[in-house]
Structure formats: structure tokens, C-alpha cells
Amino acid sequence: MIRKILFSLPLALYSLLIIYLSSLSSPNIPDFGFSWQDKVIHAGAFFVYGIVLQLFLAKSLGIASRKIYIIIYFLIGCFFGASDEFHQYFVPGRSCEFLDWFADTIGLMLALGVILITKNFHSFNSSNR
């Protein structure tokens, strides 16, 4: 039980951080000098979200099937991204954009790819010893 709470905490805290930042009417976003920087920020934020979501799924739920794991991962991640965009529709000075949600999804895909590649690389190195 303690283990589930411990591995749920990063996901809960990071989710609350995203919700908080989305509720700000005019957040202080640094200017990186290119027009689609907000999409990179969305992808980066959801890359981190994807990592903590995977920690939660792997350690708290213990899903054995890779296919089920990936389906649940994308259902939760994409739904959270969509709900975040919907939430911003009601925040003065913010907007609900499909491309922001798409960038969130790209971040989730990158996080999943990094974890799966790292896991496969680790498994490969372990079996070759």
C-alpha cells in the first residue's frame, strides 16, 4: 500500500502543477525566439508527465502486458492533455488549441519511446553478461 502511494505521488504532484500553470491567465514563459516555442514547451511538459505516468503504471499498477500498458498509458495521457486544453478554454487570456494537445501527445510518445528503448537496452545488456 505504501509503495502504491509512494509511486502515485510524483504523478499527482506533477498533474497538479500542470493544472495550476494552466489556470494562470498570463504565465511567464521565456522567449526562445521562435514562433512555435509553446508547442515545444507543451511537448516537454508532457514528456515529463509521460515519465511520471510510466513510473505510476509500472510500480503502482504492475501491468504485465506491454500492449495493455501502452493503451492505458495513452488513454490516461491523452485524456489528461485534452482535459488540460479544455480547462484553458475557461481561463481568461488562454485558449484551447488542438495543436497544443497534439504537442502534448508528441511529448507522451517521446517519453514512452525513451523508456521502452532504455528498458530494451538494459534487458539486452543484462542477457549478454
N, C-alpha and C. Protein backbone atom coordinates (compact mmCIF):
# COMPACT_ATOMS: atom_id res chain seq x y z
N MET A 1 0.82 -1.20 0.00
CA MET A 1 0.00 0.00 0.00
C MET A 1 0.87 1.27 0.00
N ILE A 2 1.89 1.28 0.86
CA ILE A 2 2.80 2.43 0.93
C ILE A 2 3.50 2.61 -0.42
N ARG A 3 3.88 1.50 -1.04
CA ARG A 3 4.56 1.55 -2.34
C ARG A 3 3.68 2.22 -3.40
N LYS A 4 2.39 1.87 -3.41
CA LYS A 4 1.47 2.47 -4.39
C LYS A 4 1.34 3.97 -4.16
N ILE A 5 1.25 4.37 -2.92
CA ILE A 5 1.15 5.80 -2.60
C ILE A 5 2.44 6.51 -3.00
N LEU A 6 3.57 5.90 -2.68
CA LEU A 6 4.86 6.50 -3.00
C LEU A 6 5.04 6.71 -4.50
N PHE A 7 4.63 5.75 -5.32
CA PHE A 7 4.79 5.87 -6.76
C PHE A 7 3.64 6.64 -7.42
N SER A 8 2.59 6.90 -6.68
CA SER A 8 1.49 7.74 -7.18
C SER A 8 1.76 9.22 -6.94
N LEU A 9 2.56 9.51 -5.94
CA LEU A 9 2.80 10.89 -5.54
C LEU A 9 3.42 11.76 -6.64
N PRO A 10 4.48 11.32 -7.36
CA PRO A 10 5.02 12.18 -8.42
C PRO A 10 3.99 12.51 -9.50
N LEU A 11 3.17 11.53 -9.89
CA LEU A 11 2.14 11.78 -10.89
C LEU A 11 1.11 12.78 -10.39
N ALA A 12 0.67 12.60 -9.16
CA ALA A 12 -0.33 13.51 -8.59
C ALA A 12 0.22 14.93 -8.49
N LEU A 13 1.44 15.07 -7.98
CA LEU A 13 2.02 16.41 -7.83
C LEU A 13 2.28 17.08 -9.17
N TYR A 14 2.79 16.33 -10.14
CA TYR A 14 3.06 16.92 -11.45
C TYR A 14 1.75 17.27 -12.16
N SER A 15 0.74 16.45 -12.00
CA SER A 15 -0.58 16.75 -12.58
C SER A 15 -1.13 18.05 -12.00
N LEU A 16 -0.99 18.20 -10.69
CA LEU A 16 -1.45 19.44 -10.04
C LEU A 16 -0.65 20.65 -10.52
N LEU A 17 0.64 20.47 -10.76
CA LEU A 17 1.46 21.56 -11.28
C LEU A 17 0.98 21.98 -12.67
N ILE A 18 0.69 21.02 -13.53
CA ILE A 18 0.19 21.34 -14.87
C ILE A 18 -1.15 22.07 -14.77
N ILE A 19 -2.03 21.59 -13.92
CA ILE A 19 -3.34 22.24 -13.74
C ILE A 19 -3.16 23.67 -13.23
N TYR A 20 -2.26 23.83 -12.26
CA TYR A 20 -2.01 25.18 -11.74
C TYR A 20 -1.48 26.11 -12.82
N LEU A 21 -0.47 25.66 -13.56
CA LEU A 21 0.11 26.51 -14.62
C LEU A 21 -0.92 26.82 -15.71
N SER A 22 -1.80 25.88 -15.98
CA SER A 22 -2.84 26.11 -16.99
C SER A 22 -3.90 27.09 -16.51
N SER A 23 -3.99 27.27 -15.20
CA SER A 23 -5.01 28.19 -14.67
C SER A 23 -4.53 29.64 -14.63
N LEU A 24 -3.25 29.85 -14.92
CA LEU A 24 -2.71 31.21 -14.93
C LEU A 24 -3.11 31.93 -16.21
N SER A 25 -3.64 33.13 -16.06
CA SER A 25 -4.08 33.89 -17.24
C SER A 25 -2.93 34.29 -18.14
N SER A 26 -1.82 34.68 -17.56
CA SER A 26 -0.67 35.08 -18.38
C SER A 26 0.60 34.57 -17.72
N PRO A 27 0.92 33.30 -17.95
CA PRO A 27 2.12 32.74 -17.32
C PRO A 27 3.40 33.36 -17.91
N ASN A 28 4.43 33.42 -17.10
CA ASN A 28 5.72 33.95 -17.56
C ASN A 28 6.46 32.85 -18.32
N ILE A 29 6.37 32.90 -19.63
CA ILE A 29 7.02 31.91 -20.48
C ILE A 29 8.22 32.58 -21.12
N PRO A 30 9.40 31.98 -20.98
CA PRO A 30 10.58 32.60 -21.60
C PRO A 30 10.45 32.60 -23.13
N ASP A 31 11.05 33.62 -23.74
CA ASP A 31 11.01 33.73 -25.20
C ASP A 31 12.29 33.12 -25.77
N PHE A 32 12.13 32.02 -26.50
CA PHE A 32 13.27 31.33 -27.09
C PHE A 32 13.54 31.82 -28.52
N GLY A 33 12.71 32.72 -29.00
CA GLY A 33 12.97 33.35 -30.28
C GLY A 33 12.41 32.64 -31.50
N PHE A 34 11.49 31.71 -31.33
CA PHE A 34 10.84 31.11 -32.49
C PHE A 34 9.35 31.00 -32.22
N SER A 35 8.57 31.02 -33.29
CA SER A 35 7.13 31.21 -33.16
C SER A 35 6.38 30.03 -32.55
N TRP A 36 6.87 28.82 -32.68
CA TRP A 36 6.13 27.66 -32.17
C TRP A 36 6.73 27.11 -30.87
N GLN A 37 7.38 28.00 -30.12
CA GLN A 37 8.02 27.57 -28.88
C GLN A 37 7.03 27.01 -27.87
N ASP A 38 5.79 27.49 -27.90
CA ASP A 38 4.81 26.97 -26.95
C ASP A 38 4.52 25.48 -27.21
N LYS A 39 4.65 25.04 -28.45
CA LYS A 39 4.44 23.62 -28.76
C LYS A 39 5.59 22.78 -28.18
N VAL A 40 6.81 23.33 -28.24
CA VAL A 40 7.96 22.64 -27.65
C VAL A 40 7.80 22.57 -26.13
N ILE A 41 7.30 23.64 -25.53
CA ILE A 41 7.07 23.65 -24.09
C ILE A 41 6.00 22.63 -23.72
N HIS A 42 4.93 22.57 -24.51
CA HIS A 42 3.89 21.56 -24.27
C HIS A 42 4.47 20.15 -24.37
N ALA A 43 5.24 19.90 -25.41
CA ALA A 43 5.83 18.56 -25.60
C ALA A 43 6.78 18.24 -24.44
N GLY A 44 7.56 19.21 -24.02
CA GLY A 44 8.48 18.99 -22.90
C GLY A 44 7.76 18.71 -21.59
N ALA A 45 6.70 19.47 -21.34
CA ALA A 45 5.92 19.27 -20.12
C ALA A 45 5.28 17.88 -20.11
N PHE A 46 4.78 17.46 -21.26
CA PHE A 46 4.12 16.15 -21.31
C PHE A 46 5.12 15.01 -21.49
N PHE A 47 6.35 15.31 -21.87
CA PHE A 47 7.42 14.32 -21.80
C PHE A 47 7.65 13.95 -20.34
N VAL A 48 7.77 14.96 -19.48
CA VAL A 48 7.95 14.72 -18.05
C VAL A 48 6.71 14.03 -17.48
N TYR A 49 5.52 14.48 -17.89
CA TYR A 49 4.28 13.83 -17.45
C TYR A 49 4.30 12.35 -17.84
N GLY A 50 4.76 12.06 -19.05
CA GLY A 50 4.82 10.68 -19.52
C GLY A 50 5.76 9.83 -18.68
N ILE A 51 6.88 10.40 -18.26
CA ILE A 51 7.83 9.66 -17.41
C ILE A 51 7.20 9.33 -16.06
N VAL A 52 6.58 10.33 -15.41
CA VAL A 52 5.97 10.05 -14.10
C VAL A 52 4.73 9.16 -14.24
N LEU A 53 4.03 9.25 -15.36
CA LEU A 53 2.90 8.36 -15.60
C LEU A 53 3.38 6.91 -15.74
N GLN A 54 4.50 6.74 -16.43
CA GLN A 54 5.05 5.39 -16.58
C GLN A 54 5.53 4.83 -15.24
N LEU A 55 6.11 5.68 -14.42
CA LEU A 55 6.52 5.26 -13.08
C LEU A 55 5.30 4.77 -12.31
N PHE A 56 4.22 5.52 -12.39
CA PHE A 56 2.98 5.13 -11.72
C PHE A 56 2.45 3.80 -12.26
N LEU A 57 2.36 3.67 -13.57
CA LEU A 57 1.81 2.46 -14.16
C LEU A 57 2.66 1.24 -13.86
N ALA A 58 3.96 1.38 -13.96
CA ALA A 58 4.85 0.24 -13.76
C ALA A 58 4.95 -0.18 -12.30
N LYS A 59 5.01 0.78 -11.40
CA LYS A 59 5.26 0.47 -9.99
C LYS A 59 4.00 0.36 -9.15
N SER A 60 2.95 1.08 -9.52
CA SER A 60 1.73 1.04 -8.71
C SER A 60 0.72 0.01 -9.22
N LEU A 61 0.57 -0.08 -10.52
CA LEU A 61 -0.43 -0.99 -11.08
C LEU A 61 0.17 -2.33 -11.47
N GLY A 62 1.45 -2.37 -11.80
CA GLY A 62 2.11 -3.62 -12.14
C GLY A 62 1.49 -4.31 -13.35
N ILE A 63 1.25 -3.58 -14.41
CA ILE A 63 0.64 -4.14 -15.62
C ILE A 63 1.67 -5.02 -16.32
N ALA A 64 1.33 -6.26 -16.60
CA ALA A 64 2.27 -7.21 -17.20
C ALA A 64 2.29 -7.13 -18.72
N SER A 65 1.16 -6.92 -19.35
CA SER A 65 1.07 -6.90 -20.81
C SER A 65 1.56 -5.57 -21.37
N ARG A 66 2.53 -5.62 -22.28
CA ARG A 66 3.05 -4.39 -22.88
C ARG A 66 1.96 -3.67 -23.67
N LYS A 67 1.14 -4.41 -24.38
CA LYS A 67 0.07 -3.81 -25.19
C LYS A 67 -0.94 -3.08 -24.30
N ILE A 68 -1.37 -3.72 -23.23
CA ILE A 68 -2.33 -3.10 -22.30
C ILE A 68 -1.69 -1.87 -21.64
N TYR A 69 -0.43 -2.01 -21.28
CA TYR A 69 0.31 -0.90 -20.66
C TYR A 69 0.31 0.32 -21.58
N ILE A 70 0.64 0.13 -22.85
CA ILE A 70 0.70 1.23 -23.81
C ILE A 70 -0.68 1.85 -24.04
N ILE A 71 -1.70 1.02 -24.13
CA ILE A 71 -3.07 1.52 -24.31
C ILE A 71 -3.49 2.37 -23.12
N ILE A 72 -3.28 1.86 -21.92
CA ILE A 72 -3.66 2.60 -20.72
C ILE A 72 -2.85 3.89 -20.61
N TYR A 73 -1.56 3.80 -20.92
CA TYR A 73 -0.68 4.96 -20.89
C TYR A 73 -1.23 6.08 -21.78
N PHE A 74 -1.55 5.74 -23.03
CA PHE A 74 -2.04 6.77 -23.95
C PHE A 74 -3.45 7.23 -23.60
N LEU A 75 -4.29 6.35 -23.10
CA LEU A 75 -5.63 6.79 -22.69
C LEU A 75 -5.54 7.83 -21.58
N ILE A 76 -4.74 7.53 -20.56
CA ILE A 76 -4.60 8.47 -19.44
C ILE A 76 -3.92 9.76 -19.90
N GLY A 77 -2.79 9.62 -20.59
CA GLY A 77 -2.01 10.78 -21.00
C GLY A 77 -2.75 11.69 -21.97
N CYS A 78 -3.37 11.09 -22.98
CA CYS A 78 -4.10 11.90 -23.98
C CYS A 78 -5.35 12.53 -23.38
N PHE A 79 -6.03 11.80 -22.50
CA PHE A 79 -7.20 12.37 -21.84
C PHE A 79 -6.79 13.53 -20.95
N PHE A 80 -5.69 13.37 -20.20
CA PHE A 80 -5.25 14.47 -19.34
C PHE A 80 -4.85 15.69 -20.18
N GLY A 81 -4.16 15.46 -21.29
CA GLY A 81 -3.79 16.57 -22.19
C GLY A 81 -5.02 17.28 -22.74
N ALA A 82 -6.02 16.49 -23.16
CA ALA A 82 -7.25 17.08 -23.70
C ALA A 82 -8.01 17.84 -22.61
N SER A 83 -8.05 17.28 -21.40
CA SER A 83 -8.77 17.97 -20.32
C SER A 83 -8.04 19.25 -19.92
N ASP A 84 -6.71 19.25 -20.02
CA ASP A 84 -5.93 20.45 -19.75
C ASP A 84 -6.26 21.54 -20.77
N GLU A 85 -6.34 21.17 -22.04
CA GLU A 85 -6.70 22.14 -23.07
C GLU A 85 -8.13 22.64 -22.87
N PHE A 86 -9.05 21.76 -22.54
CA PHE A 86 -10.43 22.16 -22.29
C PHE A 86 -10.49 23.13 -21.12
N HIS A 87 -9.75 22.84 -20.08
CA HIS A 87 -9.68 23.72 -18.90
C HIS A 87 -9.22 25.12 -19.29
N GLN A 88 -8.23 25.20 -20.20
CA GLN A 88 -7.71 26.50 -20.60
C GLN A 88 -8.74 27.33 -21.38
N TYR A 89 -9.71 26.68 -21.96
CA TYR A 89 -10.79 27.39 -22.67
C TYR A 89 -11.51 28.36 -21.73
N PHE A 90 -11.58 28.00 -20.45
CA PHE A 90 -12.32 28.79 -19.47
C PHE A 90 -11.43 29.77 -18.70
N VAL A 91 -10.14 29.79 -18.99
CA VAL A 91 -9.22 30.68 -18.30
C VAL A 91 -9.04 31.95 -19.14
N PRO A 92 -9.33 33.11 -18.56
CA PRO A 92 -9.16 34.36 -19.31
C PRO A 92 -7.73 34.50 -19.83
N GLY A 93 -7.61 34.87 -21.09
CA GLY A 93 -6.30 35.05 -21.70
C GLY A 93 -5.67 33.77 -22.23
N ARG A 94 -6.32 32.63 -22.04
CA ARG A 94 -5.80 31.36 -22.53
C ARG A 94 -6.74 30.83 -23.60
N SER A 95 -6.30 29.81 -24.31
CA SER A 95 -7.14 29.24 -25.37
C SER A 95 -7.01 27.72 -25.38
N CYS A 96 -7.95 27.10 -26.01
CA CYS A 96 -7.98 25.65 -26.19
C CYS A 96 -7.56 25.38 -27.64
N GLU A 97 -6.39 24.75 -27.82
CA GLU A 97 -5.88 24.54 -29.17
C GLU A 97 -5.58 23.06 -29.42
N PHE A 98 -6.05 22.58 -30.55
CA PHE A 98 -5.78 21.20 -30.96
C PHE A 98 -4.27 20.95 -31.08
N LEU A 99 -3.54 21.91 -31.64
CA LEU A 99 -2.09 21.72 -31.82
C LEU A 99 -1.34 21.64 -30.50
N ASP A 100 -1.85 22.29 -29.47
CA ASP A 100 -1.24 22.14 -28.14
C ASP A 100 -1.44 20.71 -27.64
N TRP A 101 -2.65 20.18 -27.82
CA TRP A 101 -2.91 18.80 -27.43
C TRP A 101 -2.05 17.84 -28.25
N PHE A 102 -1.89 18.13 -29.52
CA PHE A 102 -1.04 17.30 -30.38
C PHE A 102 0.41 17.33 -29.88
N ALA A 103 0.90 18.49 -29.47
CA ALA A 103 2.25 18.60 -28.91
C ALA A 103 2.35 17.82 -27.60
N ASP A 104 1.29 17.86 -26.79
CA ASP A 104 1.26 17.05 -25.56
C ASP A 104 1.43 15.57 -25.91
N THR A 105 0.72 15.13 -26.92
CA THR A 105 0.77 13.74 -27.35
C THR A 105 2.16 13.37 -27.87
N ILE A 106 2.80 14.28 -28.58
CA ILE A 106 4.17 14.04 -29.06
C ILE A 106 5.10 13.85 -27.85
N GLY A 107 4.94 14.68 -26.84
CA GLY A 107 5.73 14.53 -25.61
C GLY A 107 5.52 13.18 -24.96
N LEU A 108 4.26 12.73 -24.93
CA LEU A 108 3.96 11.40 -24.37
C LEU A 108 4.63 10.30 -25.18
N MET A 109 4.58 10.42 -26.52
CA MET A 109 5.21 9.41 -27.38
C MET A 109 6.72 9.38 -27.16
N LEU A 110 7.34 10.54 -27.03
CA LEU A 110 8.78 10.59 -26.80
C LEU A 110 9.15 9.94 -25.47
N ALA A 111 8.37 10.22 -24.44
CA ALA A 111 8.64 9.62 -23.12
C ALA A 111 8.49 8.11 -23.18
N LEU A 112 7.47 7.62 -23.85
CA LEU A 112 7.27 6.18 -23.97
C LEU A 112 8.43 5.56 -24.75
N GLY A 113 8.84 6.22 -25.83
CA GLY A 113 9.95 5.72 -26.62
C GLY A 113 11.24 5.63 -25.81
N VAL A 114 11.53 6.68 -25.04
CA VAL A 114 12.75 6.68 -24.22
C VAL A 114 12.73 5.53 -23.22
N ILE A 115 11.61 5.35 -22.55
CA ILE A 115 11.52 4.28 -21.55
C ILE A 115 11.63 2.91 -22.21
N LEU A 116 10.92 2.70 -23.32
CA LEU A 116 10.97 1.39 -23.98
C LEU A 116 12.37 1.10 -24.53
N ILE A 117 13.02 2.08 -25.12
CA ILE A 117 14.38 1.89 -25.64
C ILE A 117 15.34 1.61 -24.49
N THR A 118 15.23 2.38 -23.42
CA THR A 118 16.09 2.18 -22.25
C THR A 118 15.87 0.80 -21.65
N LYS A 119 14.62 0.41 -21.54
CA LYS A 119 14.28 -0.91 -20.98
C LYS A 119 14.84 -2.03 -21.86
N ASN A 120 14.66 -1.91 -23.18
CA ASN A 120 15.18 -2.93 -24.10
C ASN A 120 16.71 -2.96 -24.07
N PHE A 121 17.35 -1.79 -24.00
CA PHE A 121 18.80 -1.73 -23.95
C PHE A 121 19.29 -2.38 -22.66
N HIS A 122 18.63 -2.09 -21.55
CA HIS A 122 19.01 -2.68 -20.27
C HIS A 122 18.82 -4.20 -20.29
N SER A 123 17.72 -4.66 -20.85
CA SER A 123 17.45 -6.11 -20.96
C SER A 123 18.50 -6.78 -21.85
N PHE A 124 18.86 -6.13 -22.94
CA PHE A 124 19.85 -6.67 -23.86
C PHE A 124 21.21 -6.80 -23.17
N ASN A 125 21.62 -5.76 -22.45
CA ASN A 125 22.91 -5.79 -21.75
C ASN A 125 22.92 -6.83 -20.62
N SER A 126 21.79 -6.99 -19.94
CA SER A 126 21.70 -7.98 -18.86
C SER A 126 21.81 -9.39 -19.39
N SER A 127 21.22 -9.65 -20.56
CA SER A 127 21.21 -11.01 -21.11
C SER A 127 22.55 -11.37 -21.77
N ASN A 128 23.38 -10.39 -22.07
CA ASN A 128 24.67 -10.65 -22.71
C ASN A 128 25.83 -10.75 -21.72
N ARG A 129 25.55 -10.84 -20.47
CA ARG A 129 26.62 -10.95 -19.46
C ARG A 129 26.95 -12.37 -19.17
